[in-house]
Each structure stands twice: as structure tokens, then as C-alpha cells.
Amino acid sequence: MAQRKLGRRSDHRMSMLRNLTTSLLLNGRVVTTVPRAKEVRRLADKMITLGKRGDLHAIRQANSFLFDKEAGKKVFTEYNAKYADRNGGYTRIIKTGYRRGDASEMCIIELV
């Protein structure tokens, strides 16, 4: 599966995306650039799908990916019930304009 490189080495990129995904699941919304948000959307949807599955293997997979155990608990308690009848599309990307310093396109990624 192809992914964006985001100007980072593979280990730094994965760590950054794991951090953003954890922050999104904890806080419900994150302000970031559009390419990062599009990558985080893929990972966040996978984590919520694991939460809906809810078995022991899914719990271990989610906890090994997320940096904060509280985010894992939220996935398997809150988001499990919230998105039980929804088939994907758990996040929304709202474009907010351009960053002043380098004119990168900014957006808000939030849980629906």
C-alpha cells in the first residue's frame, strides 16, 4: 500500500503519524497539514475498526500502535459504542487556509 513520505525518514514518519493518531483519539480533533491529515485518517479509521472488533487480539494490536494507553481505552469503550452502526468514515478533514510561515495548507482533522 503506497503512502506519502512527508519529507521524513520511515521511522520518524511512522512515529509522527502514531503521535498524531494518538492525539486525535484522545482529543477528538487535531490541527495539522493536509497531507499529514490524509495519512492520519487511514490509521485512525483502522484503530476505530479494531475497537469495534473488540477481541483480545484487536486490543493488543491497538495498544502496540498507540503511544498512550488512555487512547486505547477510549477506542474500546467510547468509540466502540459511538461508531457501532457506522461502516467507516469516522474522521472529517476541514481545510482552514494556509500557514503564514511556509504557506502549507492547514486543516482540522476531527472525529465525526
PDB file of N, CA and C in Angstrom:
ATOM      1  N   MET A   1       0.843  -1.181   0.000  1.00  0.00           N
ATOM      2  CA  MET A   1       0.000   0.000   0.000  1.00  0.00           C
ATOM      3  C   MET A   1       0.889   1.245   0.000  1.00  0.00           C
ATOM      4  N   ALA A   2       0.693   2.125  -0.965  1.00  0.00           N
ATOM      5  CA  ALA A   2       1.505   3.330  -1.093  1.00  0.00           C
ATOM      6  C   ALA A   2       1.133   4.329  -0.011  1.00  0.00           C
ATOM      7  N   GLN A   3       2.127   5.103   0.405  1.00  0.00           N
ATOM      8  CA  GLN A   3       1.860   6.143   1.395  1.00  0.00           C
ATOM      9  C   GLN A   3       2.722   7.360   1.086  1.00  0.00           C
ATOM     10  N   ARG A   4       2.358   8.481   1.640  1.00  0.00           N
ATOM     11  CA  ARG A   4       3.112   9.709   1.440  1.00  0.00           C
ATOM     12  C   ARG A   4       4.374   9.674   2.290  1.00  0.00           C
ATOM     13  N   LYS A   5       5.451  10.268   1.782  1.00  0.00           N
ATOM     14  CA  LYS A   5       6.711  10.252   2.521  1.00  0.00           C
ATOM     15  C   LYS A   5       6.814  11.402   3.512  1.00  0.00           C
ATOM     16  N   LEU A   6       6.139  12.491   3.266  1.00  0.00           N
ATOM     17  CA  LEU A   6       6.045  13.634   4.179  1.00  0.00           C
ATOM     18  C   LEU A   6       7.411  14.222   4.553  1.00  0.00           C
ATOM     19  N   GLY A   7       8.425  13.994   3.735  1.00  0.00           N
ATOM     20  CA  GLY A   7       9.738  14.585   3.980  1.00  0.00           C
ATOM     21  C   GLY A   7      10.438  14.045   5.211  1.00  0.00           C
ATOM     22  N   ARG A   8      10.164  12.830   5.585  1.00  0.00           N
ATOM     23  CA  ARG A   8      10.749  12.235   6.794  1.00  0.00           C
ATOM     24  C   ARG A   8      11.305  10.855   6.476  1.00  0.00           C
ATOM     25  N   ARG A   9      12.261  10.414   7.295  1.00  0.00           N
ATOM     26  CA  ARG A   9      12.701   9.016   7.219  1.00  0.00           C
ATOM     27  C   ARG A   9      11.547   8.132   7.674  1.00  0.00           C
ATOM     28  N   SER A  10      11.598   6.867   7.328  1.00  0.00           N
ATOM     29  CA  SER A  10      10.457   5.991   7.594  1.00  0.00           C
ATOM     30  C   SER A  10      10.180   5.846   9.087  1.00  0.00           C
ATOM     31  N   ASP A  11      11.228   5.759   9.928  1.00  0.00           N
ATOM     32  CA  ASP A  11      10.979   5.610  11.365  1.00  0.00           C
ATOM     33  C   ASP A  11      10.414   6.895  11.962  1.00  0.00           C
ATOM     34  N   HIS A  12      10.930   8.039  11.525  1.00  0.00           N
ATOM     35  CA  HIS A  12      10.431   9.321  12.025  1.00  0.00           C
ATOM     36  C   HIS A  12       8.989   9.557  11.554  1.00  0.00           C
ATOM     37  N   ARG A  13       8.717   9.202  10.303  1.00  0.00           N
ATOM     38  CA  ARG A  13       7.368   9.359   9.750  1.00  0.00           C
ATOM     39  C   ARG A  13       6.350   8.509  10.517  1.00  0.00           C
ATOM     40  N   MET A  14       6.706   7.264  10.783  1.00  0.00           N
ATOM     41  CA  MET A  14       5.767   6.384  11.491  1.00  0.00           C
ATOM     42  C   MET A  14       5.541   6.864  12.918  1.00  0.00           C
ATOM     43  N   SER A  15       6.596   7.330  13.567  1.00  0.00           N
ATOM     44  CA  SER A  15       6.454   7.849  14.919  1.00  0.00           C
ATOM     45  C   SER A  15       5.562   9.092  14.937  1.00  0.00           C
ATOM     46  N   MET A  16       5.743   9.976  13.962  1.00  0.00           N
ATOM     47  CA  MET A  16       4.934  11.189  13.875  1.00  0.00           C
ATOM     48  C   MET A  16       3.457  10.836  13.646  1.00  0.00           C
ATOM     49  N   LEU A  17       3.202   9.882  12.758  1.00  0.00           N
ATOM     50  CA  LEU A  17       1.821   9.501  12.476  1.00  0.00           C
ATOM     51  C   LEU A  17       1.178   8.789  13.663  1.00  0.00           C
ATOM     52  N   ARG A  18       1.960   7.994  14.392  1.00  0.00           N
ATOM     53  CA  ARG A  18       1.431   7.346  15.592  1.00  0.00           C
ATOM     54  C   ARG A  18       1.079   8.394  16.650  1.00  0.00           C
ATOM     55  N   ASN A  19       1.938   9.416  16.800  1.00  0.00           N
ATOM     56  CA  ASN A  19       1.665  10.507  17.735  1.00  0.00           C
ATOM     57  C   ASN A  19       0.398  11.267  17.354  1.00  0.00           C
ATOM     58  N   LEU A  20       0.265  11.601  16.074  1.00  0.00           N
ATOM     59  CA  LEU A  20      -0.920  12.332  15.622  1.00  0.00           C
ATOM     60  C   LEU A  20      -2.187  11.501  15.808  1.00  0.00           C
ATOM     61  N   THR A  21      -2.103  10.203  15.519  1.00  0.00           N
ATOM     62  CA  THR A  21      -3.265   9.332  15.688  1.00  0.00           C
ATOM     63  C   THR A  21      -3.660   9.238  17.155  1.00  0.00           C
ATOM     64  N   THR A  22      -2.672   9.098  18.031  1.00  0.00           N
ATOM     65  CA  THR A  22      -2.948   9.042  19.472  1.00  0.00           C
ATOM     66  C   THR A  22      -3.592  10.339  19.946  1.00  0.00           C
ATOM     67  N   SER A  23      -3.058  11.491  19.498  1.00  0.00           N
ATOM     68  CA  SER A  23      -3.627  12.785  19.887  1.00  0.00           C
ATOM     69  C   SER A  23      -5.047  12.948  19.371  1.00  0.00           C
ATOM     70  N   LEU A  24      -5.286  12.500  18.143  1.00  0.00           N
ATOM     71  CA  LEU A  24      -6.635  12.597  17.587  1.00  0.00           C
ATOM     72  C   LEU A  24      -7.625  11.768  18.388  1.00  0.00           C
ATOM     73  N   LEU A  25      -7.246  10.561  18.761  1.00  0.00           N
ATOM     74  CA  LEU A  25      -8.158   9.692  19.509  1.00  0.00           C
ATOM     75  C   LEU A  25      -8.372  10.199  20.937  1.00  0.00           C
ATOM     76  N   LEU A  26      -7.375  10.841  21.517  1.00  0.00           N
ATOM     77  CA  LEU A  26      -7.528  11.385  22.872  1.00  0.00           C
ATOM     78  C   LEU A  26      -8.360  12.666  22.881  1.00  0.00           C
ATOM     79  N   ASN A  27      -8.089  13.580  21.944  1.00  0.00           N
ATOM     80  CA  ASN A  27      -8.680  14.911  21.993  1.00  0.00           C
ATOM     81  C   ASN A  27      -9.871  15.101  21.067  1.00  0.00           C
ATOM     82  N   GLY A  28     -10.023  14.250  20.067  1.00  0.00           N
ATOM     83  CA  GLY A  28     -11.152  14.386  19.161  1.00  0.00           C
ATOM     84  C   GLY A  28     -10.873  15.237  17.946  1.00  0.00           C
ATOM     85  N   ARG A  29      -9.877  16.123  18.000  1.00  0.00           N
ATOM     86  CA  ARG A  29      -9.509  16.948  16.841  1.00  0.00           C
ATOM     87  C   ARG A  29      -8.063  17.390  16.962  1.00  0.00           C
ATOM     88  N   VAL A  30      -7.421  17.568  15.786  1.00  0.00           N
ATOM     89  CA  VAL A  30      -6.019  17.972  15.717  1.00  0.00           C
ATOM     90  C   VAL A  30      -5.881  18.928  14.540  1.00  0.00           C
ATOM     91  N   VAL A  31      -5.079  19.988  14.702  1.00  0.00           N
ATOM     92  CA  VAL A  31      -4.765  20.904  13.616  1.00  0.00           C
ATOM     93  C   VAL A  31      -3.427  20.490  13.035  1.00  0.00           C
ATOM     94  N   THR A  32      -3.383  20.231  11.717  1.00  0.00           N
ATOM     95  CA  THR A  32      -2.168  19.769  11.054  1.00  0.00           C
ATOM     96  C   THR A  32      -2.232  20.127   9.577  1.00  0.00           C
ATOM     97  N   THR A  33      -1.244  19.690   8.803  1.00  0.00           N
ATOM     98  CA  THR A  33      -1.259  19.954   7.367  1.00  0.00           C
ATOM     99  C   THR A  33      -2.132  18.908   6.668  1.00  0.00           C
ATOM    100  N   VAL A  34      -2.571  19.220   5.470  1.00  0.00           N
ATOM    101  CA  VAL A  34      -3.489  18.344   4.748  1.00  0.00           C
ATOM    102  C   VAL A  34      -2.875  16.975   4.428  1.00  0.00           C
ATOM    103  N   PRO A  35      -1.625  16.894   3.904  1.00  0.00           N
ATOM    104  CA  PRO A  35      -1.084  15.553   3.628  1.00  0.00           C
ATOM    105  C   PRO A  35      -0.946  14.685   4.881  1.00  0.00           C
ATOM    106  N   ARG A  36      -0.556  15.283   5.998  1.00  0.00           N
ATOM    107  CA  ARG A  36      -0.470  14.527   7.250  1.00  0.00           C
ATOM    108  C   ARG A  36      -1.848  14.055   7.686  1.00  0.00           C
ATOM    109  N   ALA A  37      -2.841  14.919   7.557  1.00  0.00           N
ATOM    110  CA  ALA A  37      -4.201  14.553   7.968  1.00  0.00           C
ATOM    111  C   ALA A  37      -4.729  13.393   7.134  1.00  0.00           C
ATOM    112  N   LYS A  38      -4.401  13.380   5.835  1.00  0.00           N
ATOM    113  CA  LYS A  38      -4.880  12.297   4.989  1.00  0.00           C
ATOM    114  C   LYS A  38      -4.243  10.970   5.372  1.00  0.00           C
ATOM    115  N   GLU A  39      -3.006  10.999   5.832  1.00  0.00           N
ATOM    116  CA  GLU A  39      -2.361   9.776   6.298  1.00  0.00           C
ATOM    117  C   GLU A  39      -2.917   9.349   7.661  1.00  0.00           C
ATOM    118  N   VAL A  40      -3.142  10.316   8.542  1.00  0.00           N
ATOM    119  CA  VAL A  40      -3.660  10.011   9.879  1.00  0.00           C
ATOM    120  C   VAL A  40      -5.068   9.444   9.783  1.00  0.00           C
ATOM    121  N   ARG A  41      -5.842   9.906   8.803  1.00  0.00           N
ATOM    122  CA  ARG A  41      -7.208   9.405   8.632  1.00  0.00           C
ATOM    123  C   ARG A  41      -7.204   7.893   8.418  1.00  0.00           C
ATOM    124  N   ARG A  42      -6.259   7.395   7.608  1.00  0.00           N
ATOM    125  CA  ARG A  42      -6.172   5.949   7.360  1.00  0.00           C
ATOM    126  C   ARG A  42      -5.911   5.187   8.656  1.00  0.00           C
ATOM    127  N   LEU A  43      -4.973   5.699   9.452  1.00  0.00           N
ATOM    128  CA  LEU A  43      -4.584   4.995  10.677  1.00  0.00           C
ATOM    129  C   LEU A  43      -5.671   5.081  11.748  1.00  0.00           C
ATOM    130  N   ALA A  44      -6.298   6.250  11.876  1.00  0.00           N
ATOM    131  CA  ALA A  44      -7.345   6.413  12.887  1.00  0.00           C
ATOM    132  C   ALA A  44      -8.547   5.521  12.568  1.00  0.00           C
ATOM    133  N   ASP A  45      -8.888   5.421  11.289  1.00  0.00           N
ATOM    134  CA  ASP A  45     -10.003   4.549  10.911  1.00  0.00           C
ATOM    135  C   ASP A  45      -9.679   3.094  11.230  1.00  0.00           C
ATOM    136  N   LYS A  46      -8.430   2.697  11.041  1.00  0.00           N
ATOM    137  CA  LYS A  46      -8.033   1.329  11.383  1.00  0.00           C
ATOM    138  C   LYS A  46      -8.139   1.087  12.885  1.00  0.00           C
ATOM    139  N   MET A  47      -7.741   2.066  13.704  1.00  0.00           N
ATOM    140  CA  MET A  47      -7.810   1.902  15.156  1.00  0.00           C
ATOM    141  C   MET A  47      -9.265   1.785  15.618  1.00  0.00           C
ATOM    142  N   ILE A  48     -10.148   2.587  15.061  1.00  0.00           N
ATOM    143  CA  ILE A  48     -11.559   2.526  15.454  1.00  0.00           C
ATOM    144  C   ILE A  48     -12.184   1.215  14.997  1.00  0.00           C
ATOM    145  N   THR A  49     -11.771   0.719  13.825  1.00  0.00           N
ATOM    146  CA  THR A  49     -12.261  -0.574  13.364  1.00  0.00           C
ATOM    147  C   THR A  49     -11.802  -1.687  14.300  1.00  0.00           C
ATOM    148  N   LEU A  50     -10.559  -1.591  14.790  1.00  0.00           N
ATOM    149  CA  LEU A  50     -10.092  -2.563  15.791  1.00  0.00           C
ATOM    150  C   LEU A  50     -10.943  -2.473  17.048  1.00  0.00           C
ATOM    151  N   GLY A  51     -11.288  -1.241  17.440  1.00  0.00           N
ATOM    152  CA  GLY A  51     -12.137  -1.053  18.613  1.00  0.00           C
ATOM    153  C   GLY A  51     -13.506  -1.676  18.447  1.00  0.00           C
ATOM    154  N   LYS A  52     -14.036  -1.622  17.252  1.00  0.00           N
ATOM    155  CA  LYS A  52     -15.339  -2.232  17.000  1.00  0.00           C
ATOM    156  C   LYS A  52     -15.253  -3.746  17.038  1.00  0.00           C
ATOM    157  N   ARG A  53     -14.099  -4.292  16.624  1.00  0.00           N
ATOM    158  CA  ARG A  53     -13.932  -5.741  16.675  1.00  0.00           C
ATOM    159  C   ARG A  53     -13.898  -6.208  18.128  1.00  0.00           C
ATOM    160  N   GLY A  54     -13.084  -5.557  18.937  1.00  0.00           N
ATOM    161  CA  GLY A  54     -13.147  -5.735  20.380  1.00  0.00           C
ATOM    162  C   GLY A  54     -12.581  -7.000  20.981  1.00  0.00           C
ATOM    163  N   ASP A  55     -11.982  -7.890  20.206  1.00  0.00           N
ATOM    164  CA  ASP A  55     -11.422  -9.092  20.818  1.00  0.00           C
ATOM    165  C   ASP A  55     -10.014  -8.815  21.371  1.00  0.00           C
ATOM    166  N   LEU A  56      -9.456  -9.800  22.033  1.00  0.00           N
ATOM    167  CA  LEU A  56      -8.168  -9.622  22.705  1.00  0.00           C
ATOM    168  C   LEU A  56      -7.061  -9.270  21.722  1.00  0.00           C
ATOM    169  N   HIS A  57      -7.059  -9.892  20.566  1.00  0.00           N
ATOM    170  CA  HIS A  57      -6.029  -9.615  19.577  1.00  0.00           C
ATOM    171  C   HIS A  57      -6.120  -8.164  19.091  1.00  0.00           C
ATOM    172  N   ALA A  58      -7.336  -7.656  18.903  1.00  0.00           N
ATOM    173  CA  ALA A  58      -7.527  -6.270  18.482  1.00  0.00           C
ATOM    174  C   ALA A  58      -7.040  -5.303  19.559  1.00  0.00           C
ATOM    175  N   ILE A  59      -7.300  -5.618  20.816  1.00  0.00           N
ATOM    176  CA  ILE A  59      -6.840  -4.782  21.921  1.00  0.00           C
ATOM    177  C   ILE A  59      -5.319  -4.717  21.937  1.00  0.00           C
ATOM    178  N   ARG A  60      -4.668  -5.857  21.759  1.00  0.00           N
ATOM    179  CA  ARG A  60      -3.207  -5.882  21.765  1.00  0.00           C
ATOM    180  C   ARG A  60      -2.631  -5.153  20.557  1.00  0.00           C
ATOM    181  N   GLN A  61      -3.266  -5.281  19.400  1.00  0.00           N
ATOM    182  CA  GLN A  61      -2.793  -4.571  18.219  1.00  0.00           C
ATOM    183  C   GLN A  61      -2.908  -3.064  18.406  1.00  0.00           C
ATOM    184  N   ALA A  62      -4.022  -2.595  18.919  1.00  0.00           N
ATOM    185  CA  ALA A  62      -4.220  -1.160  19.124  1.00  0.00           C
ATOM    186  C   ALA A  62      -3.254  -0.617  20.165  1.00  0.00           C
ATOM    187  N   ASN A  63      -3.078  -1.338  21.276  1.00  0.00           N
ATOM    188  CA  ASN A  63      -2.178  -0.862  22.327  1.00  0.00           C
ATOM    189  C   ASN A  63      -0.724  -0.880  21.893  1.00  0.00           C
ATOM    190  N   SER A  64      -0.357  -1.765  20.967  1.00  0.00           N
ATOM    191  CA  SER A  64       1.018  -1.758  20.489  1.00  0.00           C
ATOM    192  C   SER A  64       1.259  -0.608  19.514  1.00  0.00           C
ATOM    193  N   PHE A  65       0.208  -0.096  18.885  1.00  0.00           N
ATOM    194  CA  PHE A  65       0.353   1.010  17.935  1.00  0.00           C
ATOM    195  C   PHE A  65       0.278   2.367  18.621  1.00  0.00           C
ATOM    196  N   LEU A  66      -0.665   2.536  19.541  1.00  0.00           N
ATOM    197  CA  LEU A  66      -0.885   3.835  20.188  1.00  0.00           C
ATOM    198  C   LEU A  66       0.143   4.070  21.283  1.00  0.00           C
ATOM    199  N   PHE A  67       0.528   5.330  21.471  1.00  0.00           N
ATOM    200  CA  PHE A  67       1.537   5.665  22.472  1.00  0.00           C
ATOM    201  C   PHE A  67       0.953   5.821  23.871  1.00  0.00           C
ATOM    202  N   ASP A  68      -0.349   6.021  23.985  1.00  0.00           N
ATOM    203  CA  ASP A  68      -0.972   6.269  25.284  1.00  0.00           C
ATOM    204  C   ASP A  68      -2.052   5.223  25.537  1.00  0.00           C
ATOM    205  N   LYS A  69      -1.993   4.580  26.673  1.00  0.00           N
ATOM    206  CA  LYS A  69      -2.972   3.529  26.985  1.00  0.00           C
ATOM    207  C   LYS A  69      -4.372   4.103  27.176  1.00  0.00           C
ATOM    208  N   GLU A  70      -4.465   5.383  27.560  1.00  0.00           N
ATOM    209  CA  GLU A  70      -5.784   6.015  27.700  1.00  0.00           C
ATOM    210  C   GLU A  70      -6.483   6.108  26.343  1.00  0.00           C
ATOM    211  N   ALA A  71      -5.714   6.340  25.284  1.00  0.00           N
ATOM    212  CA  ALA A  71      -6.303   6.376  23.937  1.00  0.00           C
ATOM    213  C   ALA A  71      -6.849   5.001  23.579  1.00  0.00           C
ATOM    214  N   GLY A  72      -6.135   3.941  23.955  1.00  0.00           N
ATOM    215  CA  GLY A  72      -6.619   2.588  23.705  1.00  0.00           C
ATOM    216  C   GLY A  72      -7.904   2.297  24.451  1.00  0.00           C
ATOM    217  N   LYS A  73      -7.969   2.761  25.706  1.00  0.00           N
ATOM    218  CA  LYS A  73      -9.201   2.560  26.482  1.00  0.00           C
ATOM    219  C   LYS A  73     -10.377   3.289  25.845  1.00  0.00           C
ATOM    220  N   LYS A  74     -10.117   4.520  25.347  1.00  0.00           N
ATOM    221  CA  LYS A  74     -11.183   5.282  24.700  1.00  0.00           C
ATOM    222  C   LYS A  74     -11.690   4.581  23.448  1.00  0.00           C
ATOM    223  N   VAL A  75     -10.768   4.004  22.691  1.00  0.00           N
ATOM    224  CA  VAL A  75     -11.153   3.316  21.458  1.00  0.00           C
ATOM    225  C   VAL A  75     -12.087   2.158  21.763  1.00  0.00           C
ATOM    226  N   PHE A  76     -11.785   1.401  22.819  1.00  0.00           N
ATOM    227  CA  PHE A  76     -12.553   0.183  23.081  1.00  0.00           C
ATOM    228  C   PHE A  76     -13.778   0.414  23.959  1.00  0.00           C
ATOM    229  N   THR A  77     -13.921   1.588  24.558  1.00  0.00           N
ATOM    230  CA  THR A  77     -15.119   1.861  25.348  1.00  0.00           C
ATOM    231  C   THR A  77     -16.011   2.897  24.672  1.00  0.00           C
ATOM    232  N   GLU A  78     -15.490   4.106  24.486  1.00  0.00           N
ATOM    233  CA  GLU A  78     -16.286   5.198  23.930  1.00  0.00           C
ATOM    234  C   GLU A  78     -16.595   5.003  22.449  1.00  0.00           C
ATOM    235  N   TYR A  79     -15.529   4.904  21.635  1.00  0.00           N
ATOM    236  CA  TYR A  79     -15.708   4.877  20.183  1.00  0.00           C
ATOM    237  C   TYR A  79     -16.323   3.569  19.703  1.00  0.00           C
ATOM    238  N   ASN A  80     -16.151   2.515  20.466  1.00  0.00           N
ATOM    239  CA  ASN A  80     -16.765   1.237  20.120  1.00  0.00           C
ATOM    240  C   ASN A  80     -18.285   1.387  20.031  1.00  0.00           C
ATOM    241  N   ALA A  81     -18.876   2.003  21.034  1.00  0.00           N
ATOM    242  CA  ALA A  81     -20.328   2.178  21.055  1.00  0.00           C
ATOM    243  C   ALA A  81     -20.779   3.294  20.111  1.00  0.00           C
ATOM    244  N   LYS A  82     -19.978   4.352  20.016  1.00  0.00           N
ATOM    245  CA  LYS A  82     -20.360   5.516  19.218  1.00  0.00           C
ATOM    246  C   LYS A  82     -20.457   5.182  17.729  1.00  0.00           C
ATOM    247  N   TYR A  83     -19.534   4.353  17.233  1.00  0.00           N
ATOM    248  CA  TYR A  83     -19.483   4.046  15.804  1.00  0.00           C
ATOM    249  C   TYR A  83     -19.935   2.624  15.488  1.00  0.00           C
ATOM    250  N   ALA A  84     -20.731   2.018  16.354  1.00  0.00           N
ATOM    251  CA  ALA A  84     -21.143   0.627  16.166  1.00  0.00           C
ATOM    252  C   ALA A  84     -21.947   0.428  14.880  1.00  0.00           C
ATOM    253  N   ASP A  85     -22.770   1.400  14.518  1.00  0.00           N
ATOM    254  CA  ASP A  85     -23.619   1.235  13.335  1.00  0.00           C
ATOM    255  C   ASP A  85     -23.064   1.952  12.107  1.00  0.00           C
ATOM    256  N   ARG A  86     -21.838   2.440  12.178  1.00  0.00           N
ATOM    257  CA  ARG A  86     -21.234   3.192  11.068  1.00  0.00           C
ATOM    258  C   ARG A  86     -20.178   2.333  10.375  1.00  0.00           C
ATOM    259  N   ASN A  87     -20.230   2.271   9.053  1.00  0.00           N
ATOM    260  CA  ASN A  87     -19.292   1.460   8.284  1.00  0.00           C
ATOM    261  C   ASN A  87     -18.194   2.333   7.693  1.00  0.00           C
ATOM    262  N   GLY A  88     -17.225   2.712   8.521  1.00  0.00           N
ATOM    263  CA  GLY A  88     -16.104   3.508   8.038  1.00  0.00           C
ATOM    264  C   GLY A  88     -16.432   4.985   8.002  1.00  0.00           C
ATOM    265  N   GLY A  89     -15.441   5.791   7.633  1.00  0.00           N
ATOM    266  CA  GLY A  89     -15.635   7.234   7.555  1.00  0.00           C
ATOM    267  C   GLY A  89     -15.806   7.868   8.914  1.00  0.00           C
ATOM    268  N   TYR A  90     -14.877   7.592   9.830  1.00  0.00           N
ATOM    269  CA  TYR A  90     -15.013   8.078  11.206  1.00  0.00           C
ATOM    270  C   TYR A  90     -14.396   9.455  11.401  1.00  0.00           C
ATOM    271  N   THR A  91     -13.680   9.955  10.394  1.00  0.00           N
ATOM    272  CA  THR A  91     -12.998  11.240  10.532  1.00  0.00           C
ATOM    273  C   THR A  91     -13.456  12.209   9.460  1.00  0.00           C
ATOM    274  N   ARG A  92     -13.236  13.491   9.742  1.00  0.00           N
ATOM    275  CA  ARG A  92     -13.605  14.570   8.820  1.00  0.00           C
ATOM    276  C   ARG A  92     -12.401  15.508   8.729  1.00  0.00           C
ATOM    277  N   ILE A  93     -12.085  15.953   7.516  1.00  0.00           N
ATOM    278  CA  ILE A  93     -10.993  16.905   7.307  1.00  0.00           C
ATOM    279  C   ILE A  93     -11.595  18.218   6.837  1.00  0.00           C
ATOM    280  N   ILE A  94     -11.326  19.287   7.594  1.00  0.00           N
ATOM    281  CA  ILE A  94     -11.843  20.619   7.268  1.00  0.00           C
ATOM    282  C   ILE A  94     -10.645  21.512   6.978  1.00  0.00           C
ATOM    283  N   LYS A  95     -10.536  21.999   5.742  1.00  0.00           N
ATOM    284  CA  LYS A  95      -9.410  22.852   5.365  1.00  0.00           C
ATOM    285  C   LYS A  95      -9.614  24.244   5.958  1.00  0.00           C
ATOM    286  N   THR A  96      -8.522  24.813   6.524  1.00  0.00           N
ATOM    287  CA  THR A  96      -8.632  26.087   7.226  1.00  0.00           C
ATOM    288  C   THR A  96      -7.827  27.208   6.597  1.00  0.00           C
ATOM    289  N   GLY A  97      -7.110  26.955   5.520  1.00  0.00           N
ATOM    290  CA  GLY A  97      -6.317  28.011   4.906  1.00  0.00           C
ATOM    291  C   GLY A  97      -4.848  27.628   4.871  1.00  0.00           C
ATOM    292  N   TYR A  98      -3.994  28.637   4.808  1.00  0.00           N
ATOM    293  CA  TYR A  98      -2.568  28.396   4.651  1.00  0.00           C
ATOM    294  C   TYR A  98      -1.793  28.918   5.851  1.00  0.00           C
ATOM    295  N   ARG A  99      -0.727  28.203   6.211  1.00  0.00           N
ATOM    296  CA  ARG A  99       0.126  28.607   7.325  1.00  0.00           C
ATOM    297  C   ARG A  99       0.941  29.823   6.896  1.00  0.00           C
ATOM    298  N   ARG A 100       1.123  30.755   7.806  1.00  0.00           N
ATOM    299  CA  ARG A 100       1.758  32.009   7.470  1.00  0.00           C
ATOM    300  C   ARG A 100       3.243  31.844   7.160  1.00  0.00           C
ATOM    301  N   GLY A 101       3.929  30.976   7.855  1.00  0.00           N
ATOM    302  CA  GLY A 101       5.369  30.866   7.700  1.00  0.00           C
ATOM    303  C   GLY A 101       5.812  30.272   6.382  1.00  0.00           C
ATOM    304  N   ASP A 102       5.186  29.171   5.959  1.00  0.00           N
ATOM    305  CA  ASP A 102       5.650  28.492   4.749  1.00  0.00           C
ATOM    306  C   ASP A 102       4.524  28.215   3.757  1.00  0.00           C
ATOM    307  N   ALA A 103       3.361  28.754   3.988  1.00  0.00           N
ATOM    308  CA  ALA A 103       2.210  28.633   3.087  1.00  0.00           C
ATOM    309  C   ALA A 103       1.762  27.191   2.885  1.00  0.00           C
ATOM    310  N   SER A 104       1.961  26.334   3.896  1.00  0.00           N
ATOM    311  CA  SER A 104       1.437  24.971   3.823  1.00  0.00           C
ATOM    312  C   SER A 104      -0.066  25.009   4.064  1.00  0.00           C
ATOM    313  N   GLU A 105      -0.781  24.165   3.349  1.00  0.00           N
ATOM    314  CA  GLU A 105      -2.231  24.120   3.511  1.00  0.00           C
ATOM    315  C   GLU A 105      -2.568  23.426   4.814  1.00  0.00           C
ATOM    316  N   MET A 106      -3.270  24.096   5.697  1.00  0.00           N
ATOM    317  CA  MET A 106      -3.603  23.588   7.018  1.00  0.00           C
ATOM    318  C   MET A 106      -5.045  23.092   7.047  1.00  0.00           C
ATOM    319  N   CYS A 107      -5.318  22.227   8.025  1.00  0.00           N
ATOM    320  CA  CYS A 107      -6.678  21.702   8.167  1.00  0.00           C
ATOM    321  C   CYS A 107      -6.880  21.232   9.602  1.00  0.00           C
ATOM    322  N   ILE A 108      -8.124  20.947   9.899  1.00  0.00           N
ATOM    323  CA  ILE A 108      -8.501  20.337  11.168  1.00  0.00           C
ATOM    324  C   ILE A 108      -9.005  18.943  10.837  1.00  0.00           C
ATOM    325  N   ILE A 109      -8.437  17.936  11.467  1.00  0.00           N
ATOM    326  CA  ILE A 109      -8.979  16.577  11.328  1.00  0.00           C
ATOM    327  C   ILE A 109      -9.673  16.264  12.631  1.00  0.00           C
ATOM    328  N   GLU A 110     -10.927  15.829  12.536  1.00  0.00           N
ATOM    329  CA  GLU A 110     -11.710  15.554  13.730  1.00  0.00           C
ATOM    330  C   GLU A 110     -12.524  14.282  13.554  1.00  0.00           C
ATOM    331  N   LEU A 111     -12.911  13.713  14.667  1.00  0.00           N
ATOM    332  CA  LEU A 111     -13.786  12.546  14.643  1.00  0.00           C
ATOM    333  C   LEU A 111     -15.210  13.008  14.407  1.00  0.00           C
ATOM    334  N   VAL A 112     -15.931  12.266  13.592  1.00  0.00           N
ATOM    335  CA  VAL A 112     -17.309  12.641  13.244  1.00  0.00           C
ATOM    336  C   VAL A 112     -18.211  12.426  14.435  1.00  0.00           C
TER     337      VAL A 112
END
